[in-house]
Amino acid sequence: MDSAPNTAAAGTLEERMQQVLNEYRPNLYMDGGDVEVIKVDEKGIAHVKMLGACIDCPISILTMKLGIQRLLKEHFSEITGVNAMTDVSIADLYRRQPIEA
């Protein structure tokens, strides 16, 4: 795939990825979330940190695969996949008590 013209700007790969993600951020902001590129490893996996409401959103995996991963792979041929990182343990999310109405 050819890179989009706006990704040819100078800067590190991570910086250029952040610029491309700026196009997608309004979708995340609507639901109180955000994403930050942490690093790209030697296998081409982009490690991104989910922020705000994205941390424990039940559909964040869809956002990650259908939105963020698709966008990054379209713009950067060196990206082979995306790994979402959070400061929250997924196991802790399943163990938490339901909120009583």
Protein backbone atom coordinates (compact mmCIF):
# COMPACT_ATOMS: atom_id res chain seq x y z
CA MET A 1 0.00 0.00 0.00
CA ASP A 2 1.18 3.49 -0.72
CA SER A 3 1.51 5.89 2.17
CA ALA A 4 -0.88 8.80 2.24
CA PRO A 5 0.75 12.09 1.25
CA ASN A 6 0.42 13.60 4.74
CA THR A 7 2.51 10.80 6.29
CA ALA A 8 5.61 11.75 4.32
CA ALA A 9 6.30 14.66 6.68
CA ALA A 10 9.46 14.61 8.75
CA GLY A 11 9.37 13.05 12.20
CA THR A 12 9.62 9.69 13.85
CA LEU A 13 7.24 6.94 12.87
CA GLU A 14 5.45 7.39 16.21
CA GLU A 15 5.05 11.14 15.60
CA ARG A 16 3.69 10.56 12.12
CA MET A 17 1.29 7.95 13.50
CA GLN A 18 0.03 10.46 16.08
CA GLN A 19 -0.67 12.90 13.24
CA VAL A 20 -2.72 10.29 11.36
CA LEU A 21 -4.59 9.39 14.56
CA ASN A 22 -5.55 13.06 14.93
CA GLU A 23 -7.99 12.43 12.06
CA TYR A 24 -9.66 9.65 14.11
CA ARG A 25 -9.57 11.32 17.54
CA PRO A 26 -12.90 13.16 17.22
CA ASN A 27 -14.60 9.74 17.15
CA LEU A 28 -12.87 8.80 20.41
CA TYR A 29 -13.50 12.18 22.03
CA MET A 30 -17.26 11.85 21.45
CA ASP A 31 -17.25 8.93 23.87
CA GLY A 32 -14.71 10.38 26.32
CA GLY A 33 -11.72 8.36 25.12
CA ASP A 34 -8.38 8.82 23.44
CA VAL A 35 -5.34 6.83 22.28
CA GLU A 36 -1.60 7.43 22.44
CA VAL A 37 1.13 5.72 20.42
CA ILE A 38 3.74 4.31 22.81
CA LYS A 39 6.10 2.51 20.43
CA VAL A 40 6.39 0.31 17.38
CA ASP A 41 8.34 -2.89 17.97
CA GLU A 42 10.68 -4.73 15.62
CA LYS A 43 7.81 -6.87 14.30
CA GLY A 44 5.81 -3.81 13.22
CA ILE A 45 3.32 -4.04 16.06
CA ALA A 46 2.15 -0.60 17.19
CA HIS A 47 1.70 -0.51 20.95
CA VAL A 48 -0.92 2.08 21.80
CA LYS A 49 -2.33 3.16 25.13
CA MET A 50 -6.08 3.45 25.45
CA LEU A 51 -7.08 6.45 27.55
CA GLY A 52 -10.21 7.80 29.23
CA ALA A 53 -13.44 5.93 28.60
CA CYS A 54 -11.69 3.63 26.11
CA ILE A 55 -9.97 1.81 28.97
CA ASP A 56 -12.97 -0.27 30.00
CA CYS A 57 -15.40 0.29 27.14
CA PRO A 58 -16.98 -2.99 26.03
CA ILE A 59 -16.54 -2.13 22.34
CA SER A 60 -12.99 -0.80 22.57
CA ILE A 61 -11.69 -3.95 20.83
CA LEU A 62 -13.84 -3.06 17.81
CA THR A 63 -12.57 0.51 17.94
CA MET A 64 -9.04 -0.84 18.03
CA LYS A 65 -9.38 -3.34 15.18
CA LEU A 66 -11.86 -1.62 12.85
CA GLY A 67 -10.73 1.94 13.48
CA ILE A 68 -7.22 2.42 14.78
CA GLN A 69 -5.52 -0.68 13.34
CA ARG A 70 -7.17 -0.23 9.95
CA LEU A 71 -6.18 3.43 9.81
CA LEU A 72 -2.56 2.81 10.78
CA LYS A 73 -2.13 -0.13 8.40
CA GLU A 74 -3.58 1.93 5.54
CA HIS A 75 -1.11 4.77 6.12
CA PHE A 76 2.00 2.85 7.19
CA SER A 77 3.11 -0.28 5.36
CA GLU A 78 5.50 -1.14 8.19
CA ILE A 79 2.62 -1.59 10.68
CA THR A 80 1.55 -5.24 10.89
CA GLY A 81 -0.83 -4.99 13.84
CA VAL A 82 -1.84 -3.07 16.95
CA ASN A 83 -1.60 -3.99 20.62
CA ALA A 84 -3.77 -2.02 23.05
CA MET A 85 -2.26 -1.28 26.44
CA THR A 86 -4.02 0.10 29.52
CA ASP A 87 -3.16 0.72 33.15
CA VAL A 88 -6.17 -1.40 34.08
CA SER A 89 -6.03 -5.16 34.47
CA ILE A 90 -8.71 -6.81 32.37
CA ALA A 91 -9.13 -9.42 35.12
CA ASP A 92 -9.91 -6.60 37.58
CA LEU A 93 -12.64 -5.33 35.28
CA TYR A 94 -14.37 -8.72 35.38
CA ARG A 95 -14.07 -8.96 39.17
CA ARG A 96 -15.57 -5.58 39.98
CA GLN A 97 -18.96 -5.33 41.63
CA PRO A 98 -21.96 -4.26 39.56
CA ILE A 99 -23.37 -0.80 40.26
CA GLU A 100 -26.77 -0.99 41.96
CA ALA A 101 -29.41 1.29 40.52
